[in-house]
PDB file of N, CA and C in Angstrom:
ATOM      1  N   UNK A   1     266.800 182.962  33.865  1.00  0.00           N
ATOM      2  CA  UNK A   1     268.045 182.237  33.703  1.00  0.00           C
ATOM      3  C   UNK A   1     269.134 183.152  33.172  1.00  0.00           C
ATOM      4  N   UNK A   2     268.811 184.068  32.284  1.00  0.00           N
ATOM      5  CA  UNK A   2     269.828 184.952  31.728  1.00  0.00           C
ATOM      6  C   UNK A   2     270.401 185.866  32.804  1.00  0.00           C
ATOM      7  N   UNK A   3     269.605 186.205  33.820  1.00  0.00           N
ATOM      8  CA  UNK A   3     270.096 187.041  34.907  1.00  0.00           C
ATOM      9  C   UNK A   3     271.229 186.336  35.637  1.00  0.00           C
ATOM     10  N   UNK A   4     271.070 185.049  35.911  1.00  0.00           N
ATOM     11  CA  UNK A   4     272.112 184.320  36.620  1.00  0.00           C
ATOM     12  C   UNK A   4     273.381 184.195  35.787  1.00  0.00           C
ATOM     13  N   UNK A   5     273.253 184.072  34.499  1.00  0.00           N
ATOM     14  CA  UNK A   5     274.434 183.975  33.642  1.00  0.00           C
ATOM     15  C   UNK A   5     275.215 185.278  33.626  1.00  0.00           C
ATOM     16  N   UNK A   6     274.516 186.403  33.767  1.00  0.00           N
ATOM     17  CA  UNK A   6     275.188 187.688  33.685  1.00  0.00           C
ATOM     18  C   UNK A   6     275.820 188.100  35.005  1.00  0.00           C
ATOM     19  N   UNK A   7     275.502 187.406  36.080  1.00  0.00           N
ATOM     20  CA  UNK A   7     276.066 187.746  37.374  1.00  0.00           C
ATOM     21  C   UNK A   7     277.483 187.197  37.493  1.00  0.00           C
ATOM     22  N   UNK A   8     278.324 187.951  38.137  1.00  0.00           N
ATOM     23  CA  UNK A   8     279.693 187.511  38.344  1.00  0.00           C
ATOM     24  C   UNK A   8     279.887 187.098  39.795  1.00  0.00           C
ATOM     25  N   UNK A   9     280.502 185.960  40.003  1.00  0.00           N
ATOM     26  CA  UNK A   9     280.793 185.482  41.342  1.00  0.00           C
ATOM     27  C   UNK A   9     281.968 186.276  41.877  1.00  0.00           C
ATOM     28  N   UNK A  10     281.800 186.929  43.023  1.00  0.00           N
ATOM     29  CA  UNK A  10     282.921 187.688  43.574  1.00  0.00           C
ATOM     30  C   UNK A  10     284.060 186.747  43.967  1.00  0.00           C
ATOM     31  N   UNK A  11     285.279 187.177  43.724  1.00  0.00           N
ATOM     32  CA  UNK A  11     286.430 186.368  44.093  1.00  0.00           C
ATOM     33  C   UNK A  11     286.463 186.235  45.607  1.00  0.00           C
ATOM     34  N   UNK A  12     286.509 184.994  46.083  1.00  0.00           N
ATOM     35  CA  UNK A  12     286.485 184.776  47.522  1.00  0.00           C
ATOM     36  C   UNK A  12     285.216 185.324  48.145  1.00  0.00           C
ATOM     37  N   UNK A  13     284.146 185.362  47.339  1.00  0.00           N
ATOM     38  CA  UNK A  13     282.906 186.003  47.752  1.00  0.00           C
ATOM     39  C   UNK A  13     282.218 185.339  48.923  1.00  0.00           C
ATOM     40  N   UNK A  14     281.222 186.028  49.430  1.00  0.00           N
ATOM     41  CA  UNK A  14     280.509 185.498  50.591  1.00  0.00           C
ATOM     42  C   UNK A  14     279.716 184.244  50.227  1.00  0.00           C
ATOM     43  N   UNK A  15     279.645 183.385  51.188  1.00  0.00           N
ATOM     44  CA  UNK A  15     278.838 182.187  51.017  1.00  0.00           C
ATOM     45  C   UNK A  15     278.142 181.923  52.337  1.00  0.00           C
ATOM     46  N   UNK A  16     277.106 181.114  52.276  1.00  0.00           N
ATOM     47  CA  UNK A  16     276.423 180.731  53.501  1.00  0.00           C
ATOM     48  C   UNK A  16     276.082 179.255  53.413  1.00  0.00           C
ATOM     49  N   UNK A  17     275.871 178.692  54.590  1.00  0.00           N
ATOM     50  CA  UNK A  17     275.525 177.287  54.699  1.00  0.00           C
ATOM     51  C   UNK A  17     274.167 177.189  55.369  1.00  0.00           C
ATOM     52  N   UNK A  18     273.316 176.335  54.827  1.00  0.00           N
ATOM     53  CA  UNK A  18     271.999 176.125  55.414  1.00  0.00           C
ATOM     54  C   UNK A  18     271.816 174.646  55.716  1.00  0.00           C
ATOM     55  N   UNK A  19     271.000 174.388  56.702  1.00  0.00           N
ATOM     56  CA  UNK A  19     270.665 173.017  57.075  1.00  0.00           C
ATOM     57  C   UNK A  19     269.158 172.917  57.155  1.00  0.00           C
ATOM     58  N   UNK A  20     268.614 171.860  56.608  1.00  0.00           N
ATOM     59  CA  UNK A  20     267.174 171.617  56.693  1.00  0.00           C
ATOM     60  C   UNK A  20     266.941 170.127  56.846  1.00  0.00           C
ATOM     61  N   UNK A  21     265.766 169.798  57.302  1.00  0.00           N
ATOM     62  CA  UNK A  21     265.413 168.386  57.453  1.00  0.00           C
ATOM     63  C   UNK A  21     264.294 168.086  56.474  1.00  0.00           C
ATOM     64  N   UNK A  22     264.437 166.981  55.755  1.00  0.00           N
ATOM     65  CA  UNK A  22     263.405 166.546  54.820  1.00  0.00           C
ATOM     66  C   UNK A  22     262.955 165.153  55.225  1.00  0.00           C
ATOM     67  N   UNK A  23     261.724 164.831  54.874  1.00  0.00           N
ATOM     68  CA  UNK A  23     261.165 163.529  55.222  1.00  0.00           C
ATOM     69  C   UNK A  23     260.639 162.864  53.960  1.00  0.00           C
ATOM     70  N   UNK A  24     261.069 161.628  53.755  1.00  0.00           N
ATOM     71  CA  UNK A  24     260.572 160.821  52.648  1.00  0.00           C
ATOM     72  C   UNK A  24     259.649 159.758  53.224  1.00  0.00           C
ATOM     73  N   UNK A  25     258.458 159.660  52.693  1.00  0.00           N
ATOM     74  CA  UNK A  25     257.492 158.646  53.133  1.00  0.00           C
ATOM     75  C   UNK A  25     257.764 157.296  52.470  1.00  0.00           C
ATOM     76  N   UNK A  26     258.504 157.316  51.375  1.00  0.00           N
ATOM     77  CA  UNK A  26     258.769 156.101  50.599  1.00  0.00           C
ATOM     78  C   UNK A  26     260.261 156.018  50.284  1.00  0.00           C
ATOM     79  N   UNK A  27     260.782 154.819  49.996  1.00  0.00           N
ATOM     80  CA  UNK A  27     262.172 154.721  49.536  1.00  0.00           C
ATOM     81  C   UNK A  27     262.351 155.580  48.285  1.00  0.00           C
ATOM     82  N   UNK A  28     263.564 156.109  48.103  1.00  0.00           N
ATOM     83  CA  UNK A  28     263.808 156.999  46.963  1.00  0.00           C
ATOM     84  C   UNK A  28     265.196 156.745  46.408  1.00  0.00           C
ATOM     85  N   UNK A  29     265.445 157.231  45.197  1.00  0.00           N
ATOM     86  CA  UNK A  29     266.738 157.054  44.549  1.00  0.00           C
ATOM     87  C   UNK A  29     267.359 158.401  44.235  1.00  0.00           C
ATOM     88  N   UNK A  30     268.689 158.426  44.283  1.00  0.00           N
ATOM     89  CA  UNK A  30     269.470 159.611  43.913  1.00  0.00           C
ATOM     90  C   UNK A  30     270.752 159.148  43.255  1.00  0.00           C
ATOM     91  N   UNK A  31     271.279 159.983  42.368  1.00  0.00           N
ATOM     92  CA  UNK A  31     272.590 159.737  41.782  1.00  0.00           C
ATOM     93  C   UNK A  31     272.581 158.852  40.561  1.00  0.00           C
ATOM     94  N   UNK A  32     273.778 158.745  39.978  1.00  0.00           N
ATOM     95  CA  UNK A  32     273.992 157.900  38.810  1.00  0.00           C
ATOM     96  C   UNK A  32     275.255 157.111  39.050  1.00  0.00           C
ATOM     97  N   UNK A  33     275.226 155.807  39.126  1.00  0.00           N
ATOM     98  CA  UNK A  33     274.024 154.980  39.077  1.00  0.00           C
ATOM     99  C   UNK A  33     273.156 155.258  40.295  1.00  0.00           C
ATOM    100  N   UNK A  34     271.841 155.065  40.142  1.00  0.00           N
ATOM    101  CA  UNK A  34     270.949 155.400  41.245  1.00  0.00           C
ATOM    102  C   UNK A  34     271.194 154.541  42.479  1.00  0.00           C
ATOM    103  N   UNK A  35     271.235 155.214  43.613  1.00  0.00           N
ATOM    104  CA  UNK A  35     271.360 154.531  44.893  1.00  0.00           C
ATOM    105  C   UNK A  35     270.021 154.659  45.602  1.00  0.00           C
ATOM    106  N   UNK A  36     269.544 153.558  46.174  1.00  0.00           N
ATOM    107  CA  UNK A  36     268.242 153.541  46.844  1.00  0.00           C
ATOM    108  C   UNK A  36     268.449 153.869  48.327  1.00  0.00           C
ATOM    109  N   UNK A  37     267.665 154.824  48.819  1.00  0.00           N
ATOM    110  CA  UNK A  37     267.694 155.223  50.222  1.00  0.00           C
ATOM    111  C   UNK A  37     266.350 154.871  50.846  1.00  0.00           C
ATOM    112  N   UNK A  38     266.360 154.445  52.099  1.00  0.00           N
ATOM    113  CA  UNK A  38     265.088 154.091  52.743  1.00  0.00           C
ATOM    114  C   UNK A  38     264.271 155.336  53.100  1.00  0.00           C
ATOM    115  N   UNK A  39     262.969 155.147  53.259  1.00  0.00           N
ATOM    116  CA  UNK A  39     262.102 156.222  53.720  1.00  0.00           C
ATOM    117  C   UNK A  39     262.585 156.681  55.090  1.00  0.00           C
ATOM    118  N   UNK A  40     262.341 157.937  55.404  1.00  0.00           N
ATOM    119  CA  UNK A  40     262.726 158.449  56.716  1.00  0.00           C
ATOM    120  C   UNK A  40     263.099 159.908  56.661  1.00  0.00           C
ATOM    121  N   UNK A  41     263.637 160.381  57.769  1.00  0.00           N
ATOM    122  CA  UNK A  41     264.026 161.770  57.930  1.00  0.00           C
ATOM    123  C   UNK A  41     265.518 161.917  57.639  1.00  0.00           C
ATOM    124  N   UNK A  42     265.866 162.935  56.854  1.00  0.00           N
ATOM    125  CA  UNK A  42     267.257 163.182  56.472  1.00  0.00           C
ATOM    126  C   UNK A  42     267.599 164.646  56.696  1.00  0.00           C
ATOM    127  N   UNK A  43     268.844 164.889  57.078  1.00  0.00           N
ATOM    128  CA  UNK A  43     269.341 166.244  57.167  1.00  0.00           C
ATOM    129  C   UNK A  43     270.014 166.570  55.839  1.00  0.00           C
ATOM    130  N   UNK A  44     269.774 167.785  55.339  1.00  0.00           N
ATOM    131  CA  UNK A  44     270.368 168.238  54.090  1.00  0.00           C
ATOM    132  C   UNK A  44     271.141 169.517  54.381  1.00  0.00           C
ATOM    133  N   UNK A  45     272.397 169.548  53.991  1.00  0.00           N
ATOM    134  CA  UNK A  45     273.224 170.734  54.162  1.00  0.00           C
ATOM    135  C   UNK A  45     273.551 171.287  52.785  1.00  0.00           C
ATOM    136  N   UNK A  46     273.388 172.595  52.630  1.00  0.00           N
ATOM    137  CA  UNK A  46     273.641 173.240  51.345  1.00  0.00           C
ATOM    138  C   UNK A  46     274.623 174.391  51.508  1.00  0.00           C
ATOM    139  N   UNK A  47     275.478 174.560  50.517  1.00  0.00           N
ATOM    140  CA  UNK A  47     276.346 175.731  50.449  1.00  0.00           C
ATOM    141  C   UNK A  47     275.782 176.627  49.358  1.00  0.00           C
ATOM    142  N   UNK A  48     275.638 177.891  49.672  1.00  0.00           N
ATOM    143  CA  UNK A  48     275.110 178.861  48.714  1.00  0.00           C
ATOM    144  C   UNK A  48     276.102 180.006  48.580  1.00  0.00           C
ATOM    145  N   UNK A  49     276.335 180.433  47.355  1.00  0.00           N
ATOM    146  CA  UNK A  49     277.235 181.560  47.120  1.00  0.00           C
ATOM    147  C   UNK A  49     276.417 182.781  46.739  1.00  0.00           C
ATOM    148  N   UNK A  50     276.899 183.940  47.165  1.00  0.00           N
ATOM    149  CA  UNK A  50     276.185 185.197  46.950  1.00  0.00           C
ATOM    150  C   UNK A  50     276.573 185.827  45.618  1.00  0.00           C
ATOM    151  N   UNK A  51     275.566 186.315  44.921  1.00  0.00           N
ATOM    152  CA  UNK A  51     275.743 187.104  43.718  1.00  0.00           C
ATOM    153  C   UNK A  51     275.056 188.441  43.986  1.00  0.00           C
ATOM    154  N   UNK A  52     275.688 189.519  43.581  1.00  0.00           N
ATOM    155  CA  UNK A  52     275.088 190.837  43.793  1.00  0.00           C
ATOM    156  C   UNK A  52     274.901 191.530  42.457  1.00  0.00           C
ATOM    157  N   UNK A  53     273.737 192.203  42.367  1.00  0.00           N
ATOM    158  CA  UNK A  53     273.440 192.955  41.152  1.00  0.00           C
ATOM    159  C   UNK A  53     272.338 193.947  41.477  1.00  0.00           C
ATOM    160  N   UNK A  54     272.562 195.181  41.109  1.00  0.00           N
ATOM    161  CA  UNK A  54     271.539 196.204  41.290  1.00  0.00           C
ATOM    162  C   UNK A  54     271.127 196.394  42.737  1.00  0.00           C
ATOM    163  N   UNK A  55     272.042 196.210  43.660  1.00  0.00           N
ATOM    164  CA  UNK A  55     271.729 196.407  45.065  1.00  0.00           C
ATOM    165  C   UNK A  55     271.048 195.224  45.739  1.00  0.00           C
ATOM    166  N   UNK A  56     270.860 194.128  45.004  1.00  0.00           N
ATOM    167  CA  UNK A  56     270.218 192.944  45.566  1.00  0.00           C
ATOM    168  C   UNK A  56     271.234 191.806  45.652  1.00  0.00           C
ATOM    169  N   UNK A  57     271.085 190.990  46.660  1.00  0.00           N
ATOM    170  CA  UNK A  57     271.920 189.813  46.806  1.00  0.00           C
ATOM    171  C   UNK A  57     271.064 188.576  46.569  1.00  0.00           C
ATOM    172  N   UNK A  58     271.550 187.705  45.699  1.00  0.00           N
ATOM    173  CA  UNK A  58     270.879 186.448  45.397  1.00  0.00           C
ATOM    174  C   UNK A  58     271.829 185.326  45.790  1.00  0.00           C
ATOM    175  N   UNK A  59     271.303 184.337  46.522  1.00  0.00           N
ATOM    176  CA  UNK A  59     272.115 183.186  46.901  1.00  0.00           C
ATOM    177  C   UNK A  59     271.779 182.015  45.988  1.00  0.00           C
ATOM    178  N   UNK A  60     272.809 181.414  45.428  1.00  0.00           N
ATOM    179  CA  UNK A  60     272.646 180.292  44.507  1.00  0.00           C
ATOM    180  C   UNK A  60     273.293 179.056  45.131  1.00  0.00           C
ATOM    181  N   UNK A  61     272.521 177.982  45.194  1.00  0.00           N
ATOM    182  CA  UNK A  61     273.020 176.729  45.776  1.00  0.00           C
ATOM    183  C   UNK A  61     274.128 176.170  44.894  1.00  0.00           C
ATOM    184  N   UNK A  62     275.287 175.920  45.501  1.00  0.00           N
ATOM    185  CA  UNK A  62     276.431 175.405  44.752  1.00  0.00           C
ATOM    186  C   UNK A  62     276.840 174.001  45.184  1.00  0.00           C
ATOM    187  N   UNK A  63     276.377 173.549  46.335  1.00  0.00           N
ATOM    188  CA  UNK A  63     276.684 172.198  46.790  1.00  0.00           C
ATOM    189  C   UNK A  63     275.597 171.737  47.747  1.00  0.00           C
ATOM    190  N   UNK A  64     275.255 170.463  47.663  1.00  0.00           N
ATOM    191  CA  UNK A  64     274.241 169.885  48.544  1.00  0.00           C
ATOM    192  C   UNK A  64     274.755 168.553  49.061  1.00  0.00           C
ATOM    193  N   UNK A  65     274.628 168.364  50.369  1.00  0.00           N
ATOM    194  CA  UNK A  65     275.055 167.125  51.013  1.00  0.00           C
ATOM    195  C   UNK A  65     273.863 166.501  51.721  1.00  0.00           C
ATOM    196  N   UNK A  66     273.662 165.215  51.498  1.00  0.00           N
ATOM    197  CA  UNK A  66     272.629 164.451  52.193  1.00  0.00           C
ATOM    198  C   UNK A  66     273.317 163.704  53.325  1.00  0.00           C
ATOM    199  N   UNK A  67     272.860 163.903  54.549  1.00  0.00           N
ATOM    200  CA  UNK A  67     273.434 163.233  55.706  1.00  0.00           C
ATOM    201  C   UNK A  67     272.669 161.924  55.896  1.00  0.00           C
ATOM    202  N   UNK A  68     273.390 160.816  55.787  1.00  0.00           N
ATOM    203  CA  UNK A  68     272.774 159.490  55.805  1.00  0.00           C
ATOM    204  C   UNK A  68     273.235 158.736  57.054  1.00  0.00           C
ATOM    205  N   UNK A  69     272.273 158.175  57.780  1.00  0.00           N
ATOM    206  CA  UNK A  69     272.603 157.348  58.951  1.00  0.00           C
ATOM    207  C   UNK A  69     273.087 155.985  58.485  1.00  0.00           C
ATOM    208  N   UNK A  70     274.146 155.512  59.115  1.00  0.00           N
ATOM    209  CA  UNK A  70     274.682 154.189  58.821  1.00  0.00           C
ATOM    210  C   UNK A  70     274.842 153.431  60.134  1.00  0.00           C
ATOM    211  N   UNK A  71     275.224 152.180  60.054  1.00  0.00           N
ATOM    212  CA  UNK A  71     275.435 151.383  61.265  1.00  0.00           C
ATOM    213  C   UNK A  71     276.573 151.964  62.106  1.00  0.00           C
ATOM    214  N   UNK A  72     277.525 152.630  61.466  1.00  0.00           N
ATOM    215  CA  UNK A  72     278.675 153.189  62.171  1.00  0.00           C
ATOM    216  C   UNK A  72     278.472 154.645  62.584  1.00  0.00           C
ATOM    217  N   UNK A  73     277.353 155.247  62.257  1.00  0.00           N
ATOM    218  CA  UNK A  73     277.102 156.659  62.578  1.00  0.00           C
ATOM    219  C   UNK A  73     276.411 157.347  61.423  1.00  0.00           C
ATOM    220  N   UNK A  74     277.024 158.417  60.921  1.00  0.00           N
ATOM    221  CA  UNK A  74     276.469 159.125  59.773  1.00  0.00           C
ATOM    222  C   UNK A  74     277.565 159.391  58.755  1.00  0.00           C
ATOM    223  N   UNK A  75     277.153 159.602  57.510  1.00  0.00           N
ATOM    224  CA  UNK A  75     278.094 160.004  56.478  1.00  0.00           C
ATOM    225  C   UNK A  75     277.419 161.035  55.589  1.00  0.00           C
ATOM    226  N   UNK A  76     278.229 161.850  54.940  1.00  0.00           N
ATOM    227  CA  UNK A  76     277.725 162.890  54.044  1.00  0.00           C
ATOM    228  C   UNK A  76     277.859 162.399  52.608  1.00  0.00           C
ATOM    229  N   UNK A  77     276.768 162.481  51.866  1.00  0.00           N
ATOM    230  CA  UNK A  77     276.784 162.093  50.455  1.00  0.00           C
ATOM    231  C   UNK A  77     276.499 163.319  49.606  1.00  0.00           C
ATOM    232  N   UNK A  78     277.431 163.688  48.717  1.00  0.00           N
ATOM    233  CA  UNK A  78     277.136 164.812  47.829  1.00  0.00           C
ATOM    234  C   UNK A  78     276.030 164.408  46.852  1.00  0.00           C
ATOM    235  N   UNK A  79     275.059 165.281  46.679  1.00  0.00           N
ATOM    236  CA  UNK A  79     273.959 165.029  45.747  1.00  0.00           C
ATOM    237  C   UNK A  79     273.701 166.286  44.939  1.00  0.00           C
ATOM    238  N   UNK A  80     273.104 166.124  43.800  1.00  0.00           N
ATOM    239  CA  UNK A  80     272.665 167.267  43.007  1.00  0.00           C
ATOM    240  C   UNK A  80     271.399 167.812  43.662  1.00  0.00           C
ATOM    241  N   UNK A  81     271.388 169.099  43.949  1.00  0.00           N
ATOM    242  CA  UNK A  81     270.222 169.704  44.586  1.00  0.00           C
ATOM    243  C   UNK A  81     268.952 169.505  43.784  1.00  0.00           C
ATOM    244  N   UNK A  82     269.058 169.574  42.459  1.00  0.00           N
ATOM    245  CA  UNK A  82     267.877 169.407  41.610  1.00  0.00           C
ATOM    246  C   UNK A  82     267.354 167.970  41.687  1.00  0.00           C
ATOM    247  N   UNK A  83     268.260 166.985  41.814  1.00  0.00           N
ATOM    248  CA  UNK A  83     267.824 165.590  41.952  1.00  0.00           C
ATOM    249  C   UNK A  83     267.092 165.388  43.268  1.00  0.00           C
ATOM    250  N   UNK A  84     267.596 166.019  44.330  1.00  0.00           N
ATOM    251  CA  UNK A  84     266.941 165.917  45.629  1.00  0.00           C
ATOM    252  C   UNK A  84     265.558 166.565  45.574  1.00  0.00           C
ATOM    253  N   UNK A  85     265.471 167.726  44.948  1.00  0.00           N
ATOM    254  CA  UNK A  85     264.173 168.400  44.792  1.00  0.00           C
ATOM    255  C   UNK A  85     263.192 167.528  44.022  1.00  0.00           C
ATOM    256  N   UNK A  86     263.666 166.892  42.947  1.00  0.00           N
ATOM    257  CA  UNK A  86     262.810 166.008  42.146  1.00  0.00           C
ATOM    258  C   UNK A  86     262.357 164.795  42.960  1.00  0.00           C
ATOM    259  N   UNK A  87     263.268 164.232  43.763  1.00  0.00           N
ATOM    260  CA  UNK A  87     262.915 163.066  44.589  1.00  0.00           C
ATOM    261  C   UNK A  87     261.862 163.453  45.624  1.00  0.00           C
ATOM    262  N   UNK A  88     261.992 164.639  46.211  1.00  0.00           N
ATOM    263  CA  UNK A  88     260.981 165.111  47.169  1.00  0.00           C
ATOM    264  C   UNK A  88     259.629 165.298  46.489  1.00  0.00           C
ATOM    265  N   UNK A  89     259.642 165.827  45.284  1.00  0.00           N
ATOM    266  CA  UNK A  89     258.394 166.030  44.544  1.00  0.00           C
ATOM    267  C   UNK A  89     257.742 164.691  44.206  1.00  0.00           C
ATOM    268  N   UNK A  90     258.528 163.724  43.724  1.00  0.00           N
ATOM    269  CA  UNK A  90     257.977 162.397  43.419  1.00  0.00           C
ATOM    270  C   UNK A  90     257.398 161.746  44.667  1.00  0.00           C
ATOM    271  N   UNK A  91     258.083 161.890  45.802  1.00  0.00           N
ATOM    272  CA  UNK A  91     257.605 161.302  47.051  1.00  0.00           C
ATOM    273  C   UNK A  91     256.288 161.939  47.479  1.00  0.00           C
ATOM    274  N   UNK A  92     256.179 163.263  47.356  1.00  0.00           N
ATOM    275  CA  UNK A  92     254.937 163.938  47.759  1.00  0.00           C
ATOM    276  C   UNK A  92     253.789 163.554  46.832  1.00  0.00           C
ATOM    277  N   UNK A  93     254.065 163.409  45.533  1.00  0.00           N
ATOM    278  CA  UNK A  93     253.018 162.996  44.597  1.00  0.00           C
ATOM    279  C   UNK A  93     252.562 161.575  44.907  1.00  0.00           C
ATOM    280  N   UNK A  94     253.505 160.720  45.243  1.00  0.00           N
ATOM    281  CA  UNK A  94     253.187 159.331  45.583  1.00  0.00           C
ATOM    282  C   UNK A  94     252.374 159.254  46.877  1.00  0.00           C
ATOM    283  N   UNK A  95     252.615 160.194  47.787  1.00  0.00           N
ATOM    284  CA  UNK A  95     251.906 160.222  49.064  1.00  0.00           C
ATOM    285  C   UNK A  95     250.576 160.950  48.976  1.00  0.00           C
ATOM    286  N   UNK A  96     250.313 161.591  47.840  1.00  0.00           N
ATOM    287  CA  UNK A  96     249.066 162.329  47.671  1.00  0.00           C
ATOM    288  C   UNK A  96     249.082 163.712  48.294  1.00  0.00           C
ATOM    289  N   UNK A  97     250.269 164.246  48.604  1.00  0.00           N
ATOM    290  CA  UNK A  97     250.369 165.604  49.132  1.00  0.00           C
ATOM    291  C   UNK A  97     250.461 166.586  47.976  1.00  0.00           C
ATOM    292  N   UNK A  98     250.129 167.836  48.243  1.00  0.00           N
ATOM    293  CA  UNK A  98     250.166 168.858  47.210  1.00  0.00           C
ATOM    294  C   UNK A  98     251.586 169.338  46.919  1.00  0.00           C
ATOM    295  N   UNK A  99     252.467 169.238  47.909  1.00  0.00           N
ATOM    296  CA  UNK A  99     253.825 169.736  47.743  1.00  0.00           C
ATOM    297  C   UNK A  99     254.764 168.909  48.611  1.00  0.00           C
ATOM    298  N   UNK A 100     256.077 168.992  48.360  1.00  0.00           N
ATOM    299  CA  UNK A 100     257.028 168.229  49.166  1.00  0.00           C
ATOM    300  C   UNK A 100     256.924 168.588  50.639  1.00  0.00           C
ATOM    301  N   UNK A 101     257.205 167.618  51.487  1.00  0.00           N
ATOM    302  CA  UNK A 101     257.077 167.805  52.933  1.00  0.00           C
ATOM    303  C   UNK A 101     258.444 167.931  53.573  1.00  0.00           C
ATOM    304  N   UNK A 102     258.763 169.118  54.082  1.00  0.00           N
ATOM    305  CA  UNK A 102     260.005 169.314  54.812  1.00  0.00           C
ATOM    306  C   UNK A 102     259.748 169.341  56.303  1.00  0.00           C
ATOM    307  N   UNK A 103     258.498 169.262  56.718  1.00  0.00           N
ATOM    308  CA  UNK A 103     258.137 169.237  58.124  1.00  0.00           C
ATOM    309  C   UNK A 103     257.667 167.822  58.436  1.00  0.00           C
ATOM    310  N   UNK A 104     258.375 167.110  59.313  1.00  0.00           N
ATOM    311  CA  UNK A 104     258.022 165.718  59.549  1.00  0.00           C
ATOM    312  C   UNK A 104     256.624 165.529  60.132  1.00  0.00           C
ATOM    313  N   UNK A 105     256.059 166.528  60.766  1.00  0.00           N
ATOM    314  CA  UNK A 105     254.727 166.414  61.345  1.00  0.00           C
ATOM    315  C   UNK A 105     253.634 166.853  60.386  1.00  0.00           C
ATOM    316  N   UNK A 106     254.027 167.465  59.270  1.00  0.00           N
ATOM    317  CA  UNK A 106     253.040 168.029  58.359  1.00  0.00           C
ATOM    318  C   UNK A 106     252.143 166.979  57.736  1.00  0.00           C
ATOM    319  N   UNK A 107     252.720 165.857  57.317  1.00  0.00           N
ATOM    320  CA  UNK A 107     251.901 164.846  56.656  1.00  0.00           C
ATOM    321  C   UNK A 107     250.821 164.333  57.596  1.00  0.00           C
ATOM    322  N   UNK A 108     251.121 164.243  58.880  1.00  0.00           N
ATOM    323  CA  UNK A 108     250.115 163.828  59.854  1.00  0.00           C
ATOM    324  C   UNK A 108     249.063 164.913  60.012  1.00  0.00           C
ATOM    325  N   UNK A 109     249.500 166.167  60.070  1.00  0.00           N
ATOM    326  CA  UNK A 109     248.576 167.297  60.262  1.00  0.00           C
ATOM    327  C   UNK A 109     247.643 167.449  59.059  1.00  0.00           C
ATOM    328  N   UNK A 110     248.181 167.224  57.850  1.00  0.00           N
ATOM    329  CA  UNK A 110     247.375 167.382  56.645  1.00  0.00           C
ATOM    330  C   UNK A 110     246.247 166.365  56.570  1.00  0.00           C
ATOM    331  N   UNK A 111     246.403 165.212  57.215  1.00  0.00           N
ATOM    332  CA  UNK A 111     245.375 164.174  57.107  1.00  0.00           C
ATOM    333  C   UNK A 111     244.361 164.255  58.234  1.00  0.00           C
ATOM    334  N   UNK A 112     244.578 165.137  59.211  1.00  0.00           N
ATOM    335  CA  UNK A 112     243.630 165.284  60.310  1.00  0.00           C
ATOM    336  C   UNK A 112     242.378 166.000  59.825  1.00  0.00           C
ATOM    337  N   UNK A 113     241.253 165.628  60.360  1.00  0.00           N
ATOM    338  CA  UNK A 113     240.004 166.304  60.028  1.00  0.00           C
ATOM    339  C   UNK A 113     239.697 167.319  61.103  1.00  0.00           C
ATOM    340  N   UNK A 114     238.692 168.129  60.883  1.00  0.00           N
ATOM    341  CA  UNK A 114     238.308 169.153  61.859  1.00  0.00           C
ATOM    342  C   UNK A 114     237.890 168.499  63.164  1.00  0.00           C
ATOM    343  N   UNK A 115     237.218 167.343  63.100  1.00  0.00           N
ATOM    344  CA  UNK A 115     236.795 166.680  64.342  1.00  0.00           C
ATOM    345  C   UNK A 115     237.997 166.137  65.100  1.00  0.00           C
ATOM    346  N   UNK A 116     239.074 165.718  64.375  1.00  0.00           N
ATOM    347  CA  UNK A 116     240.292 165.271  65.048  1.00  0.00           C
ATOM    348  C   UNK A 116     240.942 166.421  65.805  1.00  0.00           C
ATOM    349  N   UNK A 117     240.916 167.597  65.205  1.00  0.00           N
ATOM    350  CA  UNK A 117     241.546 168.758  65.828  1.00  0.00           C
ATOM    351  C   UNK A 117     240.785 169.194  67.076  1.00  0.00           C
ATOM    352  N   UNK A 118     239.480 168.966  67.111  1.00  0.00           N
ATOM    353  CA  UNK A 118     238.676 169.372  68.261  1.00  0.00           C
ATOM    354  C   UNK A 118     238.868 168.441  69.455  1.00  0.00           C
ATOM    355  N   UNK A 119     239.302 167.196  69.208  1.00  0.00           N
ATOM    356  CA  UNK A 119     239.434 166.251  70.328  1.00  0.00           C
ATOM    357  C   UNK A 119     240.723 166.410  71.073  1.00  0.00           C
TER     358      UNK A 119
END
């Protein structure tokens, strides 16, 4: 943690955007006051800013958006990245998985037995 505090953000510095898909097996909550979201697949977009030190570049997440499907299409909801990570962890623990599932097919693959794979 002290390393991140000592890093200086370059003025107008480089940033990158990432997109990933996460899957919740159960309804989950985010935000304050907590908003309940249904189980399902969600797209998550993150903005990360670059910090450089000692010849290495470290990207730190500075903004996270949850893309939510609505009756009218989709909308972007700003969320705390740490809250989203915690919600994924709670969902995986509730589902009996060892770690959060970002691959929608993984939960099915994890429950297959060797005889299922042979058929």
